[in-house]
Amino acid sequence: MESINLENDLTLSFEKLSHTIRLIVSKDNKELICRREKLRNLFAFTKLNKAHFFKGRLQLCKSDDKIAILFKNENIGTISAEGFKQSLNNLK
């Protein structure tokens, strides 16, 4: 499992499942929200210059080399696209 620390003691984790990747936002080891997606779709998202990914409570918004993590339409953290991509590469 890969993890990236966000603001306010939040963590974005990536859990590899049989056919998908589970993205998890947690605080103090308590899971707040998760989303499952295929690895190839996540890599395709990182290649776009500007994109909005997912609908619902957990959303990812990419602009140039930054990815904003949205929880209930509120920005809870911003990470580099390269760091996000590196975490995905580690799950291959």
PDB file of N, CA and C in Angstrom:
ATOM      1  N   MET A   1       0.848  -1.177   0.000  1.00  0.00           N
ATOM      2  CA  MET A   1       0.000   0.000   0.000  1.00  0.00           C
ATOM      3  C   MET A   1       0.896   1.245   0.000  1.00  0.00           C
ATOM      4  N   GLU A   2       0.552   2.173  -0.851  1.00  0.00           N
ATOM      5  CA  GLU A   2       1.266   3.445  -0.948  1.00  0.00           C
ATOM      6  C   GLU A   2       0.454   4.533  -0.258  1.00  0.00           C
ATOM      7  N   SER A   3       1.137   5.528   0.318  1.00  0.00           N
ATOM      8  CA  SER A   3       0.433   6.619   1.001  1.00  0.00           C
ATOM      9  C   SER A   3       1.094   7.953   0.703  1.00  0.00           C
ATOM     10  N   ILE A   4       0.263   9.005   0.652  1.00  0.00           N
ATOM     11  CA  ILE A   4       0.730  10.382   0.497  1.00  0.00           C
ATOM     12  C   ILE A   4       0.068  11.199   1.593  1.00  0.00           C
ATOM     13  N   ASN A   5       0.860  11.935   2.344  1.00  0.00           N
ATOM     14  CA  ASN A   5       0.313  12.775   3.408  1.00  0.00           C
ATOM     15  C   ASN A   5      -0.279  14.052   2.816  1.00  0.00           C
ATOM     16  N   LEU A   6      -1.480  14.388   3.290  1.00  0.00           N
ATOM     17  CA  LEU A   6      -2.156  15.605   2.885  1.00  0.00           C
ATOM     18  C   LEU A   6      -2.159  16.573   4.061  1.00  0.00           C
ATOM     19  N   GLU A   7      -2.928  17.648   3.941  1.00  0.00           N
ATOM     20  CA  GLU A   7      -3.029  18.627   5.023  1.00  0.00           C
ATOM     21  C   GLU A   7      -3.975  18.118   6.117  1.00  0.00           C
ATOM     22  N   ASN A   8      -3.932  18.731   7.292  1.00  0.00           N
ATOM     23  CA  ASN A   8      -4.842  18.433   8.402  1.00  0.00           C
ATOM     24  C   ASN A   8      -4.814  16.967   8.827  1.00  0.00           C
ATOM     25  N   ASP A   9      -3.627  16.360   8.866  1.00  0.00           N
ATOM     26  CA  ASP A   9      -3.447  14.966   9.281  1.00  0.00           C
ATOM     27  C   ASP A   9      -4.211  13.969   8.421  1.00  0.00           C
ATOM     28  N   LEU A  10      -4.525  14.323   7.195  1.00  0.00           N
ATOM     29  CA  LEU A  10      -5.197  13.418   6.279  1.00  0.00           C
ATOM     30  C   LEU A  10      -4.170  12.678   5.435  1.00  0.00           C
ATOM     31  N   THR A  11      -4.526  11.473   5.010  1.00  0.00           N
ATOM     32  CA  THR A  11      -3.644  10.647   4.205  1.00  0.00           C
ATOM     33  C   THR A  11      -4.410  10.095   3.014  1.00  0.00           C
ATOM     34  N   LEU A  12      -3.786  10.139   1.845  1.00  0.00           N
ATOM     35  CA  LEU A  12      -4.322   9.499   0.655  1.00  0.00           C
ATOM     36  C   LEU A  12      -3.536   8.215   0.456  1.00  0.00           C
ATOM     37  N   SER A  13      -4.231   7.083   0.488  1.00  0.00           N
ATOM     38  CA  SER A  13      -3.577   5.784   0.338  1.00  0.00           C
ATOM     39  C   SER A  13      -4.074   5.087  -0.916  1.00  0.00           C
ATOM     40  N   PHE A  14      -3.218   4.228  -1.455  1.00  0.00           N
ATOM     41  CA  PHE A  14      -3.530   3.448  -2.646  1.00  0.00           C
ATOM     42  C   PHE A  14      -3.385   1.969  -2.277  1.00  0.00           C
ATOM     43  N   GLU A  15      -4.471   1.226  -2.378  1.00  0.00           N
ATOM     44  CA  GLU A  15      -4.464  -0.199  -2.063  1.00  0.00           C
ATOM     45  C   GLU A  15      -4.714  -0.979  -3.344  1.00  0.00           C
ATOM     46  N   LYS A  16      -3.824  -1.921  -3.633  1.00  0.00           N
ATOM     47  CA  LYS A  16      -3.972  -2.719  -4.847  1.00  0.00           C
ATOM     48  C   LYS A  16      -4.914  -3.887  -4.572  1.00  0.00           C
ATOM     49  N   LEU A  17      -5.968  -3.970  -5.391  1.00  0.00           N
ATOM     50  CA  LEU A  17      -6.900  -5.090  -5.349  1.00  0.00           C
ATOM     51  C   LEU A  17      -6.673  -5.937  -6.596  1.00  0.00           C
ATOM     52  N   SER A  18      -7.452  -6.971  -6.802  1.00  0.00           N
ATOM     53  CA  SER A  18      -7.198  -7.880  -7.925  1.00  0.00           C
ATOM     54  C   SER A  18      -7.267  -7.187  -9.287  1.00  0.00           C
ATOM     55  N   HIS A  19      -8.289  -6.376  -9.530  1.00  0.00           N
ATOM     56  CA  HIS A  19      -8.424  -5.721 -10.840  1.00  0.00           C
ATOM     57  C   HIS A  19      -8.490  -4.203 -10.758  1.00  0.00           C
ATOM     58  N   THR A  20      -8.459  -3.665  -9.569  1.00  0.00           N
ATOM     59  CA  THR A  20      -8.590  -2.214  -9.402  1.00  0.00           C
ATOM     60  C   THR A  20      -7.636  -1.710  -8.330  1.00  0.00           C
ATOM     61  N   ILE A  21      -7.585  -0.395  -8.247  1.00  0.00           N
ATOM     62  CA  ILE A  21      -6.850   0.293  -7.182  1.00  0.00           C
ATOM     63  C   ILE A  21      -7.885   0.985  -6.308  1.00  0.00           C
ATOM     64  N   ARG A  22      -7.726   0.879  -5.022  1.00  0.00           N
ATOM     65  CA  ARG A  22      -8.643   1.533  -4.076  1.00  0.00           C
ATOM     66  C   ARG A  22      -7.941   2.769  -3.531  1.00  0.00           C
ATOM     67  N   LEU A  23      -8.514   3.948  -3.785  1.00  0.00           N
ATOM     68  CA  LEU A  23      -8.001   5.197  -3.242  1.00  0.00           C
ATOM     69  C   LEU A  23      -8.740   5.465  -1.937  1.00  0.00           C
ATOM     70  N   ILE A  24      -7.991   5.715  -0.876  1.00  0.00           N
ATOM     71  CA  ILE A  24      -8.571   5.865   0.453  1.00  0.00           C
ATOM     72  C   ILE A  24      -8.087   7.176   1.066  1.00  0.00           C
ATOM     73  N   VAL A  25      -9.017   7.987   1.567  1.00  0.00           N
ATOM     74  CA  VAL A  25      -8.668   9.169   2.354  1.00  0.00           C
ATOM     75  C   VAL A  25      -8.981   8.822   3.796  1.00  0.00           C
ATOM     76  N   SER A  26      -7.973   8.965   4.659  1.00  0.00           N
ATOM     77  CA  SER A  26      -8.161   8.620   6.068  1.00  0.00           C
ATOM     78  C   SER A  26      -7.555   9.694   6.964  1.00  0.00           C
ATOM     79  N   LYS A  27      -8.017   9.674   8.200  1.00  0.00           N
ATOM     80  CA  LYS A  27      -7.494  10.576   9.225  1.00  0.00           C
ATOM     81  C   LYS A  27      -7.311   9.764  10.492  1.00  0.00           C
ATOM     82  N   ASP A  28      -6.097   9.793  11.057  1.00  0.00           N
ATOM     83  CA  ASP A  28      -5.781   9.034  12.261  1.00  0.00           C
ATOM     84  C   ASP A  28      -6.170   7.566  12.104  1.00  0.00           C
ATOM     85  N   ASN A  29      -5.814   6.963  10.972  1.00  0.00           N
ATOM     86  CA  ASN A  29      -6.095   5.557  10.654  1.00  0.00           C
ATOM     87  C   ASN A  29      -7.582   5.224  10.605  1.00  0.00           C
ATOM     88  N   LYS A  30      -8.440   6.224  10.506  1.00  0.00           N
ATOM     89  CA  LYS A  30      -9.870   6.008  10.342  1.00  0.00           C
ATOM     90  C   LYS A  30     -10.241   6.404   8.917  1.00  0.00           C
ATOM     91  N   GLU A  31     -10.812   5.453   8.189  1.00  0.00           N
ATOM     92  CA  GLU A  31     -11.158   5.670   6.796  1.00  0.00           C
ATOM     93  C   GLU A  31     -12.350   6.620   6.673  1.00  0.00           C
ATOM     94  N   LEU A  32     -12.170   7.698   5.902  1.00  0.00           N
ATOM     95  CA  LEU A  32     -13.245   8.664   5.683  1.00  0.00           C
ATOM     96  C   LEU A  32     -14.015   8.380   4.403  1.00  0.00           C
ATOM     97  N   ILE A  33     -13.279   8.015   3.351  1.00  0.00           N
ATOM     98  CA  ILE A  33     -13.898   7.799   2.043  1.00  0.00           C
ATOM     99  C   ILE A  33     -12.966   6.966   1.180  1.00  0.00           C
ATOM    100  N   CYS A  34     -13.548   6.227   0.256  1.00  0.00           N
ATOM    101  CA  CYS A  34     -12.714   5.463  -0.676  1.00  0.00           C
ATOM    102  C   CYS A  34     -13.377   5.437  -2.047  1.00  0.00           C
ATOM    103  N   ARG A  35     -12.582   5.075  -3.025  1.00  0.00           N
ATOM    104  CA  ARG A  35     -13.055   4.984  -4.405  1.00  0.00           C
ATOM    105  C   ARG A  35     -12.207   3.942  -5.119  1.00  0.00           C
ATOM    106  N   ARG A  36     -12.829   3.083  -5.901  1.00  0.00           N
ATOM    107  CA  ARG A  36     -12.102   2.073  -6.672  1.00  0.00           C
ATOM    108  C   ARG A  36     -12.052   2.494  -8.131  1.00  0.00           C
ATOM    109  N   GLU A  37     -10.884   2.277  -8.738  1.00  0.00           N
ATOM    110  CA  GLU A  37     -10.715   2.631 -10.148  1.00  0.00           C
ATOM    111  C   GLU A  37      -9.631   1.750 -10.748  1.00  0.00           C
ATOM    112  N   LYS A  38      -9.712   1.535 -12.047  1.00  0.00           N
ATOM    113  CA  LYS A  38      -8.697   0.745 -12.739  1.00  0.00           C
ATOM    114  C   LYS A  38      -7.417   1.560 -12.845  1.00  0.00           C
ATOM    115  N   LEU A  39      -6.299   0.863 -12.730  1.00  0.00           N
ATOM    116  CA  LEU A  39      -4.990   1.516 -12.763  1.00  0.00           C
ATOM    117  C   LEU A  39      -4.775   2.258 -14.080  1.00  0.00           C
ATOM    118  N   ARG A  40      -5.170   1.670 -15.180  1.00  0.00           N
ATOM    119  CA  ARG A  40      -4.959   2.330 -16.485  1.00  0.00           C
ATOM    120  C   ARG A  40      -5.736   3.643 -16.590  1.00  0.00           C
ATOM    121  N   ASN A  41      -6.925   3.706 -15.970  1.00  0.00           N
ATOM    122  CA  ASN A  41      -7.694   4.957 -15.981  1.00  0.00           C
ATOM    123  C   ASN A  41      -7.005   6.032 -15.143  1.00  0.00           C
ATOM    124  N   LEU A  42      -6.391   5.630 -14.041  1.00  0.00           N
ATOM    125  CA  LEU A  42      -5.662   6.596 -13.208  1.00  0.00           C
ATOM    126  C   LEU A  42      -4.423   7.119 -13.934  1.00  0.00           C
ATOM    127  N   PHE A  43      -3.711   6.238 -14.654  1.00  0.00           N
ATOM    128  CA  PHE A  43      -2.563   6.692 -15.446  1.00  0.00           C
ATOM    129  C   PHE A  43      -3.003   7.624 -16.572  1.00  0.00           C
ATOM    130  N   ALA A  44      -4.132   7.334 -17.210  1.00  0.00           N
ATOM    131  CA  ALA A  44      -4.648   8.205 -18.273  1.00  0.00           C
ATOM    132  C   ALA A  44      -4.975   9.584 -17.706  1.00  0.00           C
ATOM    133  N   PHE A  45      -5.509   9.627 -16.501  1.00  0.00           N
ATOM    134  CA  PHE A  45      -5.819  10.900 -15.836  1.00  0.00           C
ATOM    135  C   PHE A  45      -4.550  11.724 -15.621  1.00  0.00           C
ATOM    136  N   THR A  46      -3.453  11.090 -15.240  1.00  0.00           N
ATOM    137  CA  THR A  46      -2.206  11.825 -14.975  1.00  0.00           C
ATOM    138  C   THR A  46      -1.602  12.415 -16.244  1.00  0.00           C
ATOM    139  N   LYS A  47      -1.931  11.852 -17.397  1.00  0.00           N
ATOM    140  CA  LYS A  47      -1.364  12.348 -18.653  1.00  0.00           C
ATOM    141  C   LYS A  47      -2.076  13.586 -19.189  1.00  0.00           C
ATOM    142  N   LEU A  48      -3.270  13.857 -18.700  1.00  0.00           N
ATOM    143  CA  LEU A  48      -4.019  15.023 -19.171  1.00  0.00           C
ATOM    144  C   LEU A  48      -3.494  16.298 -18.527  1.00  0.00           C
ATOM    145  N   ASN A  49      -3.625  17.412 -19.236  1.00  0.00           N
ATOM    146  CA  ASN A  49      -3.162  18.689 -18.716  1.00  0.00           C
ATOM    147  C   ASN A  49      -4.138  19.258 -17.690  1.00  0.00           C
ATOM    148  N   LYS A  50      -5.431  19.200 -18.022  1.00  0.00           N
ATOM    149  CA  LYS A  50      -6.485  19.641 -17.102  1.00  0.00           C
ATOM    150  C   LYS A  50      -7.582  18.591 -17.146  1.00  0.00           C
ATOM    151  N   ALA A  51      -8.013  18.145 -15.969  1.00  0.00           N
ATOM    152  CA  ALA A  51      -9.037  17.098 -15.933  1.00  0.00           C
ATOM    153  C   ALA A  51      -9.737  17.091 -14.590  1.00  0.00           C
ATOM    154  N   HIS A  52     -10.938  16.556 -14.609  1.00  0.00           N
ATOM    155  CA  HIS A  52     -11.742  16.361 -13.401  1.00  0.00           C
ATOM    156  C   HIS A  52     -12.107  14.879 -13.396  1.00  0.00           C
ATOM    157  N   PHE A  53     -11.783  14.184 -12.314  1.00  0.00           N
ATOM    158  CA  PHE A  53     -11.963  12.733 -12.267  1.00  0.00           C
ATOM    159  C   PHE A  53     -12.843  12.357 -11.088  1.00  0.00           C
ATOM    160  N   PHE A  54     -13.768  11.498 -11.303  1.00  0.00           N
ATOM    161  CA  PHE A  54     -14.727  10.980 -10.329  1.00  0.00           C
ATOM    162  C   PHE A  54     -15.877  11.962 -10.116  1.00  0.00           C
ATOM    163  N   LYS A  55     -16.988  11.401  -9.750  1.00  0.00           N
ATOM    164  CA  LYS A  55     -18.143  12.163  -9.299  1.00  0.00           C
ATOM    165  C   LYS A  55     -18.438  11.653  -7.896  1.00  0.00           C
ATOM    166  N   GLY A  56     -19.127  12.438  -7.112  1.00  0.00           N
ATOM    167  CA  GLY A  56     -19.458  11.999  -5.762  1.00  0.00           C
ATOM    168  C   GLY A  56     -18.628  12.710  -4.717  1.00  0.00           C
ATOM    169  N   ARG A  57     -18.446  12.042  -3.584  1.00  0.00           N
ATOM    170  CA  ARG A  57     -17.783  12.690  -2.455  1.00  0.00           C
ATOM    171  C   ARG A  57     -16.279  12.840  -2.638  1.00  0.00           C
ATOM    172  N   LEU A  58     -15.626  11.892  -3.306  1.00  0.00           N
ATOM    173  CA  LEU A  58     -14.187  11.979  -3.560  1.00  0.00           C
ATOM    174  C   LEU A  58     -13.972  12.333  -5.022  1.00  0.00           C
ATOM    175  N   GLN A  59     -13.248  13.426  -5.261  1.00  0.00           N
ATOM    176  CA  GLN A  59     -12.962  13.864  -6.623  1.00  0.00           C
ATOM    177  C   GLN A  59     -11.501  14.281  -6.728  1.00  0.00           C
ATOM    178  N   LEU A  60     -10.950  14.127  -7.927  1.00  0.00           N
ATOM    179  CA  LEU A  60      -9.594  14.565  -8.226  1.00  0.00           C
ATOM    180  C   LEU A  60      -9.667  15.596  -9.342  1.00  0.00           C
ATOM    181  N   CYS A  61      -8.992  16.720  -9.176  1.00  0.00           N
ATOM    182  CA  CYS A  61      -8.943  17.771 -10.200  1.00  0.00           C
ATOM    183  C   CYS A  61      -7.485  18.052 -10.527  1.00  0.00           C
ATOM    184  N   LYS A  62      -7.126  17.852 -11.796  1.00  0.00           N
ATOM    185  CA  LYS A  62      -5.746  18.056 -12.218  1.00  0.00           C
ATOM    186  C   LYS A  62      -5.643  19.338 -13.030  1.00  0.00           C
ATOM    187  N   SER A  63      -4.648  20.127 -12.692  1.00  0.00           N
ATOM    188  CA  SER A  63      -4.338  21.327 -13.439  1.00  0.00           C
ATOM    189  C   SER A  63      -2.821  21.407 -13.566  1.00  0.00           C
ATOM    190  N   ASP A  64      -2.338  21.259 -14.796  1.00  0.00           N
ATOM    191  CA  ASP A  64      -0.903  21.229 -15.087  1.00  0.00           C
ATOM    192  C   ASP A  64      -0.224  20.130 -14.288  1.00  0.00           C
ATOM    193  N   ASP A  65       0.636  20.462 -13.323  1.00  0.00           N
ATOM    194  CA  ASP A  65       1.368  19.423 -12.591  1.00  0.00           C
ATOM    195  C   ASP A  65       0.891  19.258 -11.147  1.00  0.00           C
ATOM    196  N   LYS A  66      -0.310  19.739 -10.845  1.00  0.00           N
ATOM    197  CA  LYS A  66      -0.882  19.630  -9.496  1.00  0.00           C
ATOM    198  C   LYS A  66      -2.207  18.886  -9.539  1.00  0.00           C
ATOM    199  N   ILE A  67      -2.479  18.083  -8.527  1.00  0.00           N
ATOM    200  CA  ILE A  67      -3.744  17.379  -8.392  1.00  0.00           C
ATOM    201  C   ILE A  67      -4.373  17.778  -7.065  1.00  0.00           C
ATOM    202  N   ALA A  68      -5.574  18.325  -7.137  1.00  0.00           N
ATOM    203  CA  ALA A  68      -6.315  18.703  -5.932  1.00  0.00           C
ATOM    204  C   ALA A  68      -7.219  17.536  -5.545  1.00  0.00           C
ATOM    205  N   ILE A  69      -7.222  17.208  -4.259  1.00  0.00           N
ATOM    206  CA  ILE A  69      -8.082  16.159  -3.720  1.00  0.00           C
ATOM    207  C   ILE A  69      -9.287  16.852  -3.098  1.00  0.00           C
ATOM    208  N   LEU A  70     -10.481  16.547  -3.606  1.00  0.00           N
ATOM    209  CA  LEU A  70     -11.705  17.165  -3.108  1.00  0.00           C
ATOM    210  C   LEU A  70     -12.532  16.131  -2.349  1.00  0.00           C
ATOM    211  N   PHE A  71     -13.000  16.524  -1.177  1.00  0.00           N
ATOM    212  CA  PHE A  71     -13.879  15.692  -0.361  1.00  0.00           C
ATOM    213  C   PHE A  71     -15.133  16.503  -0.089  1.00  0.00           C
ATOM    214  N   LYS A  72     -16.266  16.052  -0.618  1.00  0.00           N
ATOM    215  CA  LYS A  72     -17.527  16.798  -0.543  1.00  0.00           C
ATOM    216  C   LYS A  72     -17.356  18.207  -1.110  1.00  0.00           C
ATOM    217  N   ASN A  73     -16.687  18.298  -2.260  1.00  0.00           N
ATOM    218  CA  ASN A  73     -16.428  19.548  -2.981  1.00  0.00           C
ATOM    219  C   ASN A  73     -15.538  20.535  -2.229  1.00  0.00           C
ATOM    220  N   GLU A  74     -14.837  20.102  -1.212  1.00  0.00           N
ATOM    221  CA  GLU A  74     -13.911  20.949  -0.470  1.00  0.00           C
ATOM    222  C   GLU A  74     -12.493  20.424  -0.679  1.00  0.00           C
ATOM    223  N   ASN A  75     -11.582  21.320  -1.042  1.00  0.00           N
ATOM    224  CA  ASN A  75     -10.195  20.934  -1.273  1.00  0.00           C
ATOM    225  C   ASN A  75      -9.546  20.554   0.060  1.00  0.00           C
ATOM    226  N   ILE A  76      -9.130  19.288   0.171  1.00  0.00           N
ATOM    227  CA  ILE A  76      -8.496  18.824   1.411  1.00  0.00           C
ATOM    228  C   ILE A  76      -6.994  18.631   1.252  1.00  0.00           C
ATOM    229  N   GLY A  77      -6.495  18.879   0.053  1.00  0.00           N
ATOM    230  CA  GLY A  77      -5.059  18.758  -0.153  1.00  0.00           C
ATOM    231  C   GLY A  77      -4.704  18.822  -1.621  1.00  0.00           C
ATOM    232  N   THR A  78      -3.478  19.221  -1.881  1.00  0.00           N
ATOM    233  CA  THR A  78      -2.955  19.277  -3.238  1.00  0.00           C
ATOM    234  C   THR A  78      -1.636  18.533  -3.261  1.00  0.00           C
ATOM    235  N   ILE A  79      -1.476  17.689  -4.266  1.00  0.00           N
ATOM    236  CA  ILE A  79      -0.245  16.908  -4.394  1.00  0.00           C
ATOM    237  C   ILE A  79       0.300  17.103  -5.802  1.00  0.00           C
ATOM    238  N   SER A  80       1.549  16.763  -5.991  1.00  0.00           N
ATOM    239  CA  SER A  80       2.139  16.866  -7.324  1.00  0.00           C
ATOM    240  C   SER A  80       1.676  15.684  -8.167  1.00  0.00           C
ATOM    241  N   ALA A  81       1.487  15.935  -9.443  1.00  0.00           N
ATOM    242  CA  ALA A  81       1.084  14.871 -10.355  1.00  0.00           C
ATOM    243  C   ALA A  81       2.176  13.812 -10.429  1.00  0.00           C
ATOM    244  N   GLU A  82       3.422  14.237 -10.326  1.00  0.00           N
ATOM    245  CA  GLU A  82       4.540  13.290 -10.376  1.00  0.00           C
ATOM    246  C   GLU A  82       4.524  12.360  -9.166  1.00  0.00           C
ATOM    247  N   GLY A  83       4.237  12.898  -7.984  1.00  0.00           N
ATOM    248  CA  GLY A  83       4.141  12.067  -6.778  1.00  0.00           C
ATOM    249  C   GLY A  83       2.996  11.075  -6.865  1.00  0.00           C
ATOM    250  N   PHE A  84       1.870  11.521  -7.429  1.00  0.00           N
ATOM    251  CA  PHE A  84       0.724  10.657  -7.632  1.00  0.00           C
ATOM    252  C   PHE A  84       1.079   9.528  -8.589  1.00  0.00           C
ATOM    253  N   LYS A  85       1.731   9.884  -9.688  1.00  0.00           N
ATOM    254  CA  LYS A  85       2.127   8.901 -10.693  1.00  0.00           C
ATOM    255  C   LYS A  85       3.153   7.910 -10.132  1.00  0.00           C
ATOM    256  N   GLN A  86       4.062   8.396  -9.305  1.00  0.00           N
ATOM    257  CA  GLN A  86       5.069   7.526  -8.701  1.00  0.00           C
ATOM    258  C   GLN A  86       4.402   6.503  -7.780  1.00  0.00           C
ATOM    259  N   SER A  87       3.409   6.925  -7.016  1.00  0.00           N
ATOM    260  CA  SER A  87       2.668   6.002  -6.158  1.00  0.00           C
ATOM    261  C   SER A  87       1.964   4.933  -6.983  1.00  0.00           C
ATOM    262  N   LEU A  88       1.402   5.327  -8.118  1.00  0.00           N
ATOM    263  CA  LEU A  88       0.756   4.361  -9.004  1.00  0.00           C
ATOM    264  C   LEU A  88       1.753   3.388  -9.586  1.00  0.00           C
ATOM    265  N   ASN A  89       2.949   3.886  -9.976  1.00  0.00           N
ATOM    266  CA  ASN A  89       3.995   3.020 -10.516  1.00  0.00           C
ATOM    267  C   ASN A  89       4.430   1.962  -9.509  1.00  0.00           C
ATOM    268  N   ASN A  90       4.447   2.324  -8.235  1.00  0.00           N
ATOM    269  CA  ASN A  90       4.855   1.389  -7.189  1.00  0.00           C
ATOM    270  C   ASN A  90       3.844   0.265  -6.995  1.00  0.00           C
ATOM    271  N   LEU A  91       2.626   0.435  -7.509  1.00  0.00           N
ATOM    272  CA  LEU A  91       1.584  -0.581  -7.372  1.00  0.00           C
ATOM    273  C   LEU A  91       1.568  -1.588  -8.519  1.00  0.00           C
ATOM    274  N   LYS A  92       2.324  -1.343  -9.560  1.00  0.00           N
ATOM    275  CA  LYS A  92       2.333  -2.249 -10.723  1.00  0.00           C
ATOM    276  C   LYS A  92       2.814  -3.635 -10.336  1.00  0.00           C
TER     277      LYS A  92
END
